[in-house]
Amino acid sequence: MENCVFCMPELDDEQRIIFENESCYFVQRDQRILKGSGLIVPKSHKVTVFDLSPKEWLDTQAMLSEVKEWLDDTFHPDGYNIGYNCYQTGGQHIFHAHMHVIPRFEDEPHAGKGIRHWLKQEENKRHI
């Protein structure tokens, strides 16, 4: 897809490919706040995780194992958040599927608060 920074990672000078396999990359970009964090991205343009092929699922899982081993050895995190945002309402801003891999550390101000923490707050309650 033309001008997609995940289809053509070279379009973003700050984005670095750390690992790749047959169908996906692990890329890192801004490391100022979320040290070690990155994205597992299919090489072919798929809008969301729901569009991944069985092969892409298998390669994503293999990549996740490789990335975790590297992050454990390099950053020694105390936990992880792993996830996809899908569609605009789900928080997706780049419409090429990508799995967030975020190492977490017990000395962070938000340690112990998982992916759903902010979603479960009273102010997020639907009033229908």
N, C-alpha and C. Protein backbone atom coordinates (compact mmCIF):
# COMPACT_ATOMS: atom_id res chain seq x y z
N MET A 1 0.85 -1.18 0.00
CA MET A 1 0.00 0.00 0.00
C MET A 1 0.90 1.24 0.00
N GLU A 2 0.60 2.16 -0.85
CA GLU A 2 1.41 3.36 -1.03
C GLU A 2 1.44 4.22 0.23
N ASN A 3 2.63 4.63 0.64
CA ASN A 3 2.86 5.51 1.78
C ASN A 3 2.51 4.91 3.14
N CYS A 4 2.39 3.62 3.25
CA CYS A 4 2.14 2.98 4.54
C CYS A 4 3.49 2.69 5.20
N VAL A 5 3.71 3.26 6.39
CA VAL A 5 5.00 3.11 7.06
C VAL A 5 5.25 1.69 7.56
N PHE A 6 4.22 0.85 7.56
CA PHE A 6 4.43 -0.55 7.94
C PHE A 6 4.64 -1.43 6.71
N CYS A 7 4.06 -1.07 5.58
CA CYS A 7 4.34 -1.79 4.33
C CYS A 7 5.75 -1.47 3.85
N MET A 8 6.16 -0.23 4.07
CA MET A 8 7.48 0.24 3.65
C MET A 8 8.15 0.92 4.84
N PRO A 9 8.71 0.14 5.77
CA PRO A 9 9.29 0.71 6.99
C PRO A 9 10.37 1.76 6.73
N GLU A 10 10.99 1.70 5.57
CA GLU A 10 12.04 2.67 5.24
C GLU A 10 11.50 4.10 5.09
N LEU A 11 10.18 4.27 5.00
CA LEU A 11 9.59 5.61 4.92
C LEU A 11 9.73 6.40 6.22
N ASP A 12 9.93 5.72 7.33
CA ASP A 12 10.06 6.37 8.64
C ASP A 12 11.51 6.21 9.10
N ASP A 13 12.28 7.29 9.01
CA ASP A 13 13.70 7.25 9.37
C ASP A 13 13.95 6.84 10.82
N GLU A 14 12.97 7.07 11.70
CA GLU A 14 13.15 6.76 13.12
C GLU A 14 12.78 5.32 13.46
N GLN A 15 12.12 4.64 12.56
CA GLN A 15 11.66 3.27 12.80
C GLN A 15 12.79 2.28 12.47
N ARG A 16 13.05 1.37 13.40
CA ARG A 16 14.10 0.38 13.19
C ARG A 16 13.53 -1.02 13.22
N ILE A 17 13.88 -1.83 12.23
CA ILE A 17 13.51 -3.24 12.24
C ILE A 17 14.53 -3.96 13.12
N ILE A 18 14.04 -4.62 14.17
CA ILE A 18 14.91 -5.34 15.09
C ILE A 18 14.99 -6.81 14.68
N PHE A 19 13.85 -7.41 14.37
CA PHE A 19 13.78 -8.80 13.93
C PHE A 19 12.80 -8.89 12.77
N GLU A 20 12.97 -9.92 11.95
CA GLU A 20 11.95 -10.21 10.94
C GLU A 20 11.98 -11.70 10.64
N ASN A 21 10.85 -12.20 10.21
CA ASN A 21 10.76 -13.57 9.72
C ASN A 21 10.03 -13.52 8.38
N GLU A 22 9.53 -14.63 7.93
CA GLU A 22 8.96 -14.69 6.59
C GLU A 22 7.80 -13.71 6.38
N SER A 23 6.96 -13.54 7.39
CA SER A 23 5.77 -12.70 7.14
C SER A 23 5.60 -11.52 8.07
N CYS A 24 6.53 -11.29 9.03
CA CYS A 24 6.36 -10.12 9.90
C CYS A 24 7.69 -9.54 10.38
N TYR A 25 7.58 -8.30 10.88
CA TYR A 25 8.70 -7.57 11.46
C TYR A 25 8.41 -7.29 12.93
N PHE A 26 9.48 -7.07 13.70
CA PHE A 26 9.37 -6.40 15.00
C PHE A 26 10.10 -5.08 14.83
N VAL A 27 9.37 -3.98 14.98
CA VAL A 27 9.95 -2.66 14.81
C VAL A 27 9.87 -1.87 16.11
N GLN A 28 10.85 -0.99 16.27
CA GLN A 28 10.84 -0.06 17.39
C GLN A 28 10.99 1.34 16.84
N ARG A 29 10.44 2.28 17.59
CA ARG A 29 10.52 3.69 17.19
C ARG A 29 10.87 4.52 18.41
N ASP A 30 9.96 5.27 18.93
CA ASP A 30 10.20 6.18 20.05
C ASP A 30 10.41 5.40 21.34
N GLN A 31 11.58 5.55 21.93
CA GLN A 31 11.91 4.82 23.16
C GLN A 31 12.03 5.74 24.37
N ARG A 32 11.50 6.96 24.28
CA ARG A 32 11.66 7.92 25.39
C ARG A 32 10.88 7.53 26.63
N ILE A 33 9.70 6.97 26.50
CA ILE A 33 8.88 6.64 27.66
C ILE A 33 8.73 5.14 27.82
N LEU A 34 8.34 4.45 26.77
CA LEU A 34 8.09 3.00 26.84
C LEU A 34 9.33 2.24 26.37
N LYS A 35 10.34 2.18 27.24
CA LYS A 35 11.62 1.54 26.91
C LYS A 35 11.41 0.09 26.48
N GLY A 36 11.97 -0.27 25.34
CA GLY A 36 11.91 -1.64 24.85
C GLY A 36 10.66 -1.95 24.04
N SER A 37 9.67 -1.08 24.08
CA SER A 37 8.41 -1.37 23.40
C SER A 37 8.59 -1.38 21.89
N GLY A 38 7.70 -2.10 21.23
CA GLY A 38 7.73 -2.17 19.79
C GLY A 38 6.46 -2.79 19.25
N LEU A 39 6.49 -3.03 17.96
CA LEU A 39 5.32 -3.54 17.26
C LEU A 39 5.70 -4.75 16.42
N ILE A 40 4.84 -5.75 16.43
CA ILE A 40 4.96 -6.86 15.49
C ILE A 40 3.96 -6.59 14.38
N VAL A 41 4.48 -6.49 13.16
CA VAL A 41 3.71 -6.00 12.02
C VAL A 41 3.78 -7.02 10.88
N PRO A 42 2.64 -7.42 10.31
CA PRO A 42 2.71 -8.28 9.13
C PRO A 42 3.31 -7.49 7.96
N LYS A 43 4.12 -8.18 7.15
CA LYS A 43 4.73 -7.51 5.99
C LYS A 43 3.70 -7.16 4.93
N SER A 44 2.69 -7.98 4.77
CA SER A 44 1.64 -7.66 3.80
C SER A 44 0.60 -6.78 4.48
N HIS A 45 0.00 -5.92 3.71
CA HIS A 45 -0.95 -4.96 4.28
C HIS A 45 -2.25 -5.66 4.68
N LYS A 46 -2.48 -5.72 5.97
CA LYS A 46 -3.72 -6.23 6.55
C LYS A 46 -4.22 -5.13 7.48
N VAL A 47 -5.48 -4.78 7.38
CA VAL A 47 -6.00 -3.65 8.15
C VAL A 47 -6.02 -3.95 9.65
N THR A 48 -6.52 -5.11 10.04
CA THR A 48 -6.58 -5.46 11.47
C THR A 48 -6.10 -6.89 11.69
N VAL A 49 -5.98 -7.25 12.93
CA VAL A 49 -5.61 -8.60 13.32
C VAL A 49 -6.60 -9.62 12.77
N PHE A 50 -7.84 -9.22 12.59
CA PHE A 50 -8.87 -10.12 12.07
C PHE A 50 -8.60 -10.55 10.63
N ASP A 51 -7.71 -9.84 9.95
CA ASP A 51 -7.41 -10.13 8.55
C ASP A 51 -6.17 -11.01 8.36
N LEU A 52 -5.49 -11.37 9.44
CA LEU A 52 -4.27 -12.15 9.32
C LEU A 52 -4.55 -13.57 8.83
N SER A 53 -3.66 -14.07 8.01
CA SER A 53 -3.75 -15.46 7.54
C SER A 53 -3.25 -16.40 8.63
N PRO A 54 -3.57 -17.70 8.53
CA PRO A 54 -3.02 -18.65 9.50
C PRO A 54 -1.49 -18.60 9.58
N LYS A 55 -0.82 -18.44 8.45
CA LYS A 55 0.65 -18.34 8.42
C LYS A 55 1.12 -17.09 9.16
N GLU A 56 0.44 -15.97 8.95
CA GLU A 56 0.82 -14.74 9.65
C GLU A 56 0.61 -14.88 11.16
N TRP A 57 -0.45 -15.58 11.57
CA TRP A 57 -0.66 -15.84 13.00
C TRP A 57 0.50 -16.65 13.58
N LEU A 58 0.88 -17.72 12.87
CA LEU A 58 1.99 -18.56 13.35
C LEU A 58 3.29 -17.78 13.40
N ASP A 59 3.57 -16.99 12.38
CA ASP A 59 4.80 -16.20 12.37
C ASP A 59 4.78 -15.11 13.42
N THR A 60 3.61 -14.54 13.69
CA THR A 60 3.49 -13.53 14.75
C THR A 60 3.79 -14.17 16.11
N GLN A 61 3.25 -15.35 16.34
CA GLN A 61 3.51 -16.03 17.62
C GLN A 61 4.99 -16.38 17.77
N ALA A 62 5.61 -16.86 16.70
CA ALA A 62 7.04 -17.16 16.74
C ALA A 62 7.85 -15.89 17.01
N MET A 63 7.46 -14.80 16.35
CA MET A 63 8.15 -13.52 16.56
C MET A 63 7.97 -13.03 17.99
N LEU A 64 6.78 -13.18 18.55
CA LEU A 64 6.53 -12.76 19.92
C LEU A 64 7.44 -13.51 20.89
N SER A 65 7.64 -14.79 20.68
CA SER A 65 8.54 -15.57 21.54
C SER A 65 9.97 -15.06 21.43
N GLU A 66 10.41 -14.79 20.21
CA GLU A 66 11.77 -14.28 19.98
C GLU A 66 11.95 -12.90 20.63
N VAL A 67 10.96 -12.04 20.45
CA VAL A 67 11.01 -10.70 21.01
C VAL A 67 11.03 -10.75 22.54
N LYS A 68 10.20 -11.60 23.14
CA LYS A 68 10.16 -11.70 24.60
C LYS A 68 11.52 -12.13 25.14
N GLU A 69 12.13 -13.12 24.52
CA GLU A 69 13.44 -13.58 24.97
C GLU A 69 14.46 -12.45 24.91
N TRP A 70 14.45 -11.69 23.81
CA TRP A 70 15.37 -10.58 23.65
C TRP A 70 15.09 -9.47 24.68
N LEU A 71 13.82 -9.12 24.87
CA LEU A 71 13.47 -8.08 25.84
C LEU A 71 13.83 -8.52 27.26
N ASP A 72 13.56 -9.79 27.60
CA ASP A 72 13.93 -10.30 28.92
C ASP A 72 15.43 -10.16 29.16
N ASP A 73 16.23 -10.52 28.17
CA ASP A 73 17.69 -10.46 28.30
C ASP A 73 18.22 -9.02 28.28
N THR A 74 17.57 -8.14 27.53
CA THR A 74 18.07 -6.78 27.33
C THR A 74 17.55 -5.80 28.38
N PHE A 75 16.27 -5.87 28.72
CA PHE A 75 15.63 -4.86 29.59
C PHE A 75 15.19 -5.41 30.95
N HIS A 76 15.05 -6.72 31.08
CA HIS A 76 14.65 -7.38 32.34
C HIS A 76 13.33 -6.82 32.89
N PRO A 77 12.26 -6.81 32.07
CA PRO A 77 10.99 -6.28 32.55
C PRO A 77 10.36 -7.19 33.61
N ASP A 78 9.44 -6.59 34.36
CA ASP A 78 8.71 -7.32 35.39
C ASP A 78 7.36 -7.82 34.90
N GLY A 79 6.95 -7.41 33.72
CA GLY A 79 5.68 -7.83 33.14
C GLY A 79 5.58 -7.29 31.71
N TYR A 80 4.45 -7.57 31.09
CA TYR A 80 4.21 -7.15 29.71
C TYR A 80 2.76 -6.76 29.50
N ASN A 81 2.53 -5.84 28.57
CA ASN A 81 1.22 -5.64 27.96
C ASN A 81 1.40 -5.99 26.49
N ILE A 82 0.47 -6.78 25.97
CA ILE A 82 0.49 -7.20 24.58
C ILE A 82 -0.91 -6.92 24.02
N GLY A 83 -1.00 -6.30 22.85
CA GLY A 83 -2.35 -6.10 22.33
C GLY A 83 -2.42 -5.41 20.99
N TYR A 84 -3.62 -5.49 20.43
CA TYR A 84 -3.98 -4.85 19.16
C TYR A 84 -5.06 -3.82 19.42
N ASN A 85 -5.01 -2.70 18.72
CA ASN A 85 -6.13 -1.77 18.64
C ASN A 85 -6.74 -1.98 17.26
N CYS A 86 -8.05 -2.09 17.20
CA CYS A 86 -8.71 -2.35 15.92
C CYS A 86 -9.78 -1.30 15.64
N TYR A 87 -9.66 -0.70 14.49
CA TYR A 87 -10.57 0.32 13.99
C TYR A 87 -10.43 1.61 14.83
N GLN A 88 -10.96 2.68 14.32
CA GLN A 88 -10.80 3.99 14.94
C GLN A 88 -11.34 4.01 16.37
N THR A 89 -12.53 3.46 16.61
CA THR A 89 -13.11 3.47 17.94
C THR A 89 -12.29 2.64 18.92
N GLY A 90 -11.60 1.63 18.43
CA GLY A 90 -10.73 0.81 19.26
C GLY A 90 -9.35 1.41 19.47
N GLY A 91 -9.10 2.60 18.93
CA GLY A 91 -7.84 3.28 19.14
C GLY A 91 -6.80 3.09 18.05
N GLN A 92 -7.16 2.43 16.95
CA GLN A 92 -6.21 2.22 15.86
C GLN A 92 -6.01 3.53 15.10
N HIS A 93 -4.74 3.92 14.93
CA HIS A 93 -4.42 5.16 14.22
C HIS A 93 -3.72 4.90 12.89
N ILE A 94 -3.02 3.79 12.80
CA ILE A 94 -2.40 3.38 11.54
C ILE A 94 -3.15 2.14 11.10
N PHE A 95 -3.78 2.20 9.95
CA PHE A 95 -4.67 1.13 9.53
C PHE A 95 -3.93 0.04 8.76
N HIS A 96 -2.92 -0.49 9.44
CA HIS A 96 -2.16 -1.68 9.06
C HIS A 96 -2.01 -2.41 10.39
N ALA A 97 -2.45 -3.65 10.45
CA ALA A 97 -2.45 -4.41 11.70
C ALA A 97 -1.07 -4.34 12.37
N HIS A 98 -1.05 -4.22 13.69
CA HIS A 98 0.20 -4.24 14.44
C HIS A 98 -0.07 -4.58 15.89
N MET A 99 0.73 -5.49 16.41
CA MET A 99 0.64 -5.93 17.80
C MET A 99 1.61 -5.11 18.64
N HIS A 100 1.10 -4.45 19.66
CA HIS A 100 1.93 -3.71 20.59
C HIS A 100 2.56 -4.70 21.58
N VAL A 101 3.86 -4.59 21.76
CA VAL A 101 4.58 -5.38 22.76
C VAL A 101 5.25 -4.37 23.68
N ILE A 102 4.74 -4.31 24.92
CA ILE A 102 5.18 -3.27 25.85
C ILE A 102 5.71 -3.90 27.13
N PRO A 103 7.03 -3.87 27.33
CA PRO A 103 7.56 -4.36 28.60
C PRO A 103 7.15 -3.40 29.72
N ARG A 104 6.85 -3.95 30.88
CA ARG A 104 6.42 -3.15 32.03
C ARG A 104 7.36 -3.37 33.20
N PHE A 105 7.51 -2.34 34.02
CA PHE A 105 8.47 -2.35 35.12
C PHE A 105 7.79 -1.93 36.41
N GLU A 106 8.13 -2.59 37.52
CA GLU A 106 7.42 -2.33 38.77
C GLU A 106 7.66 -0.93 39.32
N ASP A 107 8.67 -0.21 38.85
CA ASP A 107 8.90 1.15 39.33
C ASP A 107 8.18 2.21 38.48
N GLU A 108 7.34 1.81 37.52
CA GLU A 108 6.57 2.76 36.73
C GLU A 108 5.42 3.34 37.56
N PRO A 109 5.04 4.58 37.32
CA PRO A 109 3.89 5.15 38.02
C PRO A 109 2.59 4.36 37.81
N HIS A 110 2.43 3.73 36.63
CA HIS A 110 1.21 2.99 36.35
C HIS A 110 1.42 1.47 36.41
N ALA A 111 2.45 1.03 37.13
CA ALA A 111 2.68 -0.40 37.28
C ALA A 111 1.44 -1.05 37.90
N GLY A 112 1.11 -2.22 37.42
CA GLY A 112 -0.04 -2.94 37.94
C GLY A 112 -1.36 -2.60 37.26
N LYS A 113 -1.34 -1.58 36.43
CA LYS A 113 -2.55 -1.21 35.69
C LYS A 113 -2.42 -1.79 34.28
N GLY A 114 -3.30 -2.68 33.95
CA GLY A 114 -3.25 -3.37 32.67
C GLY A 114 -3.98 -2.61 31.57
N ILE A 115 -4.11 -3.27 30.45
CA ILE A 115 -4.72 -2.68 29.26
C ILE A 115 -6.14 -2.19 29.55
N ARG A 116 -6.89 -2.92 30.35
CA ARG A 116 -8.31 -2.58 30.56
C ARG A 116 -8.53 -1.55 31.66
N HIS A 117 -7.51 -1.17 32.39
CA HIS A 117 -7.68 -0.28 33.54
C HIS A 117 -8.50 0.96 33.19
N TRP A 118 -8.10 1.68 32.15
CA TRP A 118 -8.78 2.93 31.81
C TRP A 118 -10.16 2.67 31.22
N LEU A 119 -10.34 1.54 30.60
CA LEU A 119 -11.64 1.22 30.03
C LEU A 119 -12.68 0.91 31.10
N LYS A 120 -12.23 0.44 32.25
CA LYS A 120 -13.14 0.04 33.32
C LYS A 120 -13.53 1.20 34.24
N GLN A 121 -13.06 2.40 33.97
CA GLN A 121 -13.36 3.54 34.82
C GLN A 121 -14.80 4.00 34.61
N GLU A 122 -15.41 4.51 35.64
CA GLU A 122 -16.81 4.96 35.60
C GLU A 122 -17.06 5.95 34.46
N GLU A 123 -16.10 6.84 34.21
CA GLU A 123 -16.32 7.84 33.15
C GLU A 123 -16.37 7.22 31.75
N ASN A 124 -15.99 5.96 31.62
CA ASN A 124 -16.07 5.28 30.33
C ASN A 124 -17.38 4.49 30.16
N LYS A 125 -18.24 4.52 31.16
CA LYS A 125 -19.50 3.78 31.11
C LYS A 125 -20.42 4.36 30.04
N ARG A 126 -20.97 3.47 29.22
CA ARG A 126 -21.93 3.90 28.18
C ARG A 126 -23.28 4.21 28.84
N HIS A 127 -23.91 5.23 28.38
CA HIS A 127 -25.23 5.62 28.91
C HIS A 127 -26.24 5.48 27.78
N ILE A 128 -26.75 4.26 27.64
CA ILE A 128 -27.73 4.02 26.58
C ILE A 128 -29.07 3.63 27.17
